[in-house]
N, C-alpha and C. Protein backbone atom coordinates (compact mmCIF):
# COMPACT_ATOMS: atom_id res chain seq x y z
N MET A 1 -4.83 2.07 -17.81
CA MET A 1 -4.56 2.18 -16.38
C MET A 1 -4.57 0.78 -15.79
N SER A 2 -3.57 0.49 -14.98
CA SER A 2 -3.44 -0.80 -14.33
C SER A 2 -3.91 -0.71 -12.88
N SER A 3 -4.17 -1.87 -12.29
CA SER A 3 -4.48 -1.90 -10.86
C SER A 3 -3.77 -3.08 -10.23
N LEU A 4 -3.46 -2.92 -8.97
CA LEU A 4 -2.79 -3.97 -8.21
C LEU A 4 -3.34 -3.93 -6.81
N ARG A 5 -3.70 -5.11 -6.29
CA ARG A 5 -4.18 -5.21 -4.91
C ARG A 5 -3.08 -5.85 -4.07
N VAL A 6 -2.77 -5.18 -2.96
CA VAL A 6 -1.70 -5.65 -2.09
C VAL A 6 -2.13 -5.57 -0.63
N ARG A 7 -1.48 -6.39 0.17
CA ARG A 7 -1.62 -6.29 1.63
C ARG A 7 -0.30 -5.72 2.13
N LEU A 8 -0.39 -4.61 2.82
CA LEU A 8 0.79 -3.97 3.40
C LEU A 8 0.80 -4.26 4.89
N THR A 9 1.93 -4.71 5.39
CA THR A 9 2.10 -4.92 6.82
C THR A 9 3.20 -3.98 7.29
N PHE A 10 2.85 -3.14 8.24
CA PHE A 10 3.75 -2.09 8.70
C PHE A 10 4.50 -2.52 9.95
N PRO A 11 5.82 -2.31 9.99
CA PRO A 11 6.55 -2.54 11.23
C PRO A 11 6.15 -1.49 12.26
N PRO A 12 6.31 -1.78 13.54
CA PRO A 12 5.85 -0.84 14.58
C PRO A 12 6.34 0.58 14.40
N GLU A 13 7.57 0.77 13.95
CA GLU A 13 8.12 2.13 13.83
C GLU A 13 7.52 2.90 12.66
N LYS A 14 6.76 2.23 11.78
CA LYS A 14 6.17 2.90 10.61
C LYS A 14 4.67 3.17 10.76
N VAL A 15 4.05 2.64 11.81
CA VAL A 15 2.59 2.72 11.95
C VAL A 15 2.07 4.15 11.95
N THR A 16 2.81 5.06 12.52
CA THR A 16 2.31 6.44 12.63
C THR A 16 2.69 7.32 11.45
N GLU A 17 3.44 6.78 10.49
CA GLU A 17 3.85 7.58 9.33
C GLU A 17 2.76 7.59 8.25
N PRO A 18 2.61 8.69 7.51
CA PRO A 18 1.58 8.79 6.47
C PRO A 18 2.05 8.14 5.15
N ILE A 19 2.31 6.86 5.19
CA ILE A 19 2.91 6.16 4.05
C ILE A 19 1.98 6.10 2.84
N ILE A 20 0.71 5.82 3.05
CA ILE A 20 -0.22 5.72 1.92
C ILE A 20 -0.40 7.10 1.28
N TYR A 21 -0.50 8.13 2.09
CA TYR A 21 -0.57 9.49 1.56
C TYR A 21 0.68 9.80 0.73
N THR A 22 1.83 9.42 1.26
CA THR A 22 3.10 9.70 0.60
C THR A 22 3.18 9.06 -0.78
N ILE A 23 2.78 7.80 -0.91
CA ILE A 23 2.88 7.17 -2.23
C ILE A 23 1.89 7.79 -3.21
N GLY A 24 0.75 8.25 -2.70
CA GLY A 24 -0.19 8.95 -3.57
C GLY A 24 0.34 10.28 -4.06
N GLN A 25 1.21 10.91 -3.29
CA GLN A 25 1.79 12.20 -3.65
C GLN A 25 3.05 12.06 -4.51
N GLN A 26 3.89 11.07 -4.19
CA GLN A 26 5.17 10.93 -4.87
C GLN A 26 5.09 10.17 -6.19
N TYR A 27 4.07 9.35 -6.36
CA TYR A 27 3.94 8.52 -7.57
C TYR A 27 2.58 8.78 -8.19
N GLN A 28 2.46 8.51 -9.46
CA GLN A 28 1.21 8.75 -10.17
C GLN A 28 0.27 7.55 -9.96
N VAL A 29 -0.11 7.34 -8.71
CA VAL A 29 -1.02 6.25 -8.37
C VAL A 29 -2.15 6.79 -7.51
N VAL A 30 -3.30 6.17 -7.67
CA VAL A 30 -4.45 6.44 -6.81
C VAL A 30 -4.51 5.30 -5.82
N THR A 31 -4.62 5.62 -4.54
CA THR A 31 -4.69 4.58 -3.51
C THR A 31 -6.12 4.44 -3.04
N ASN A 32 -6.55 3.20 -2.87
CA ASN A 32 -7.90 2.91 -2.41
C ASN A 32 -7.79 1.88 -1.29
N ILE A 33 -8.04 2.30 -0.06
CA ILE A 33 -7.98 1.38 1.08
C ILE A 33 -9.23 0.53 1.06
N ARG A 34 -9.04 -0.79 0.98
CA ARG A 34 -10.16 -1.72 0.90
C ARG A 34 -10.50 -2.34 2.26
N ARG A 35 -9.50 -2.45 3.11
CA ARG A 35 -9.68 -3.00 4.45
C ARG A 35 -8.42 -2.67 5.24
N ALA A 36 -8.56 -2.51 6.57
CA ALA A 36 -7.39 -2.17 7.37
C ALA A 36 -7.60 -2.53 8.83
N ASN A 37 -6.50 -2.72 9.52
CA ASN A 37 -6.49 -2.91 10.96
C ASN A 37 -5.19 -2.31 11.47
N VAL A 38 -5.31 -1.19 12.15
CA VAL A 38 -4.12 -0.47 12.61
C VAL A 38 -4.29 -0.16 14.09
N THR A 39 -3.26 -0.49 14.87
CA THR A 39 -3.21 -0.14 16.28
C THR A 39 -1.95 0.68 16.50
N GLU A 40 -1.69 1.03 17.75
CA GLU A 40 -0.48 1.80 18.05
C GLU A 40 0.78 0.97 17.84
N GLU A 41 0.67 -0.36 17.93
CA GLU A 41 1.84 -1.23 17.84
C GLU A 41 2.06 -1.86 16.47
N ALA A 42 1.01 -2.05 15.70
CA ALA A 42 1.13 -2.77 14.43
C ALA A 42 0.00 -2.37 13.50
N GLY A 43 0.15 -2.76 12.23
CA GLY A 43 -0.93 -2.44 11.30
C GLY A 43 -0.77 -3.15 9.98
N TRP A 44 -1.92 -3.41 9.36
CA TRP A 44 -1.94 -3.93 7.99
C TRP A 44 -3.07 -3.24 7.24
N VAL A 45 -2.89 -3.15 5.94
CA VAL A 45 -3.87 -2.50 5.07
C VAL A 45 -3.97 -3.29 3.78
N MET A 46 -5.20 -3.56 3.34
CA MET A 46 -5.44 -4.08 2.00
C MET A 46 -5.63 -2.86 1.12
N LEU A 47 -4.76 -2.71 0.14
CA LEU A 47 -4.72 -1.49 -0.64
C LEU A 47 -4.78 -1.80 -2.12
N GLU A 48 -5.59 -1.04 -2.84
CA GLU A 48 -5.63 -1.13 -4.29
C GLU A 48 -4.87 0.07 -4.84
N LEU A 49 -3.94 -0.19 -5.75
CA LEU A 49 -3.19 0.87 -6.41
C LEU A 49 -3.63 0.94 -7.86
N LEU A 50 -3.99 2.12 -8.32
CA LEU A 50 -4.42 2.34 -9.70
C LEU A 50 -3.48 3.34 -10.35
N GLY A 51 -3.05 3.04 -11.59
CA GLY A 51 -2.19 3.98 -12.29
C GLY A 51 -1.38 3.28 -13.35
N PRO A 52 -0.44 4.00 -13.96
CA PRO A 52 0.45 3.38 -14.94
C PRO A 52 1.28 2.28 -14.27
N THR A 53 1.51 1.20 -14.99
CA THR A 53 2.23 0.05 -14.44
C THR A 53 3.58 0.43 -13.85
N ASP A 54 4.33 1.27 -14.55
CA ASP A 54 5.65 1.64 -14.04
C ASP A 54 5.57 2.44 -12.75
N GLU A 55 4.55 3.26 -12.60
CA GLU A 55 4.38 4.04 -11.37
C GLU A 55 3.97 3.13 -10.21
N ILE A 56 3.12 2.14 -10.49
CA ILE A 56 2.74 1.18 -9.45
C ILE A 56 3.98 0.42 -8.99
N GLU A 57 4.81 0.00 -9.93
CA GLU A 57 6.04 -0.72 -9.58
C GLU A 57 6.97 0.16 -8.74
N ARG A 58 7.08 1.41 -9.10
CA ARG A 58 7.93 2.34 -8.34
C ARG A 58 7.40 2.52 -6.91
N ALA A 59 6.08 2.63 -6.78
CA ALA A 59 5.47 2.78 -5.45
C ALA A 59 5.71 1.53 -4.60
N VAL A 60 5.55 0.35 -5.20
CA VAL A 60 5.78 -0.91 -4.48
C VAL A 60 7.25 -1.02 -4.06
N ASN A 61 8.16 -0.66 -4.95
CA ASN A 61 9.58 -0.68 -4.60
C ASN A 61 9.89 0.26 -3.45
N TYR A 62 9.28 1.43 -3.45
CA TYR A 62 9.46 2.38 -2.35
C TYR A 62 9.01 1.75 -1.03
N LEU A 63 7.83 1.11 -1.05
CA LEU A 63 7.32 0.48 0.16
C LEU A 63 8.28 -0.58 0.68
N LYS A 64 8.77 -1.40 -0.22
CA LYS A 64 9.72 -2.45 0.19
C LYS A 64 11.00 -1.84 0.74
N ASN A 65 11.47 -0.76 0.14
CA ASN A 65 12.70 -0.11 0.58
C ASN A 65 12.59 0.51 1.97
N ILE A 66 11.38 0.85 2.40
CA ILE A 66 11.22 1.41 3.75
C ILE A 66 10.72 0.35 4.73
N ASN A 67 10.90 -0.92 4.36
CA ASN A 67 10.61 -2.07 5.22
C ASN A 67 9.13 -2.30 5.51
N VAL A 68 8.28 -1.94 4.55
CA VAL A 68 6.87 -2.31 4.62
C VAL A 68 6.74 -3.62 3.84
N GLN A 69 6.15 -4.62 4.48
CA GLN A 69 5.96 -5.90 3.80
C GLN A 69 4.83 -5.77 2.78
N VAL A 70 5.07 -6.22 1.55
CA VAL A 70 4.10 -6.11 0.47
C VAL A 70 3.78 -7.51 -0.03
N GLU A 71 2.49 -7.89 0.03
CA GLU A 71 2.04 -9.19 -0.47
C GLU A 71 0.93 -8.95 -1.50
N LEU A 72 0.98 -9.66 -2.61
CA LEU A 72 -0.08 -9.56 -3.61
C LEU A 72 -1.35 -10.22 -3.09
N VAL A 73 -2.49 -9.62 -3.43
CA VAL A 73 -3.79 -10.14 -3.03
C VAL A 73 -4.59 -10.43 -4.27
N ALA A 74 -5.13 -11.63 -4.37
CA ALA A 74 -5.96 -11.99 -5.52
C ALA A 74 -7.42 -11.67 -5.23
N GLY A 75 -8.12 -11.19 -6.23
CA GLY A 75 -9.55 -10.90 -6.10
C GLY A 75 -9.81 -9.64 -5.31
N ASP A 76 -11.09 -9.34 -5.16
CA ASP A 76 -11.49 -8.15 -4.41
C ASP A 76 -11.60 -8.51 -2.94
N VAL A 77 -11.17 -7.63 -2.09
CA VAL A 77 -11.21 -7.90 -0.66
C VAL A 77 -12.48 -7.38 0.02
N VAL A 78 -13.25 -6.60 -0.70
CA VAL A 78 -14.54 -6.12 -0.19
C VAL A 78 -15.55 -6.24 -1.32
N GLN A 79 -16.59 -6.97 -1.12
CA GLN A 79 -17.61 -7.15 -2.14
C GLN A 79 -18.78 -6.22 -1.88
């Protein structure tokens, strides 16, 4: 099982959508929110994705395709 830590930045029109729930349902990944800041206008989430490498890649591609900014995060964001 692989893991990937990313920072997701949501455009205003995506803030109210259940995007993290969706990737957990559509792809064979477990999502673990490590830190977040979401308001009505904007939002970002530090997210850990666990699962097979190809499924993590598919989930990340989905996020990029729906205009969610995805940045890799090194290390643990919560100790």
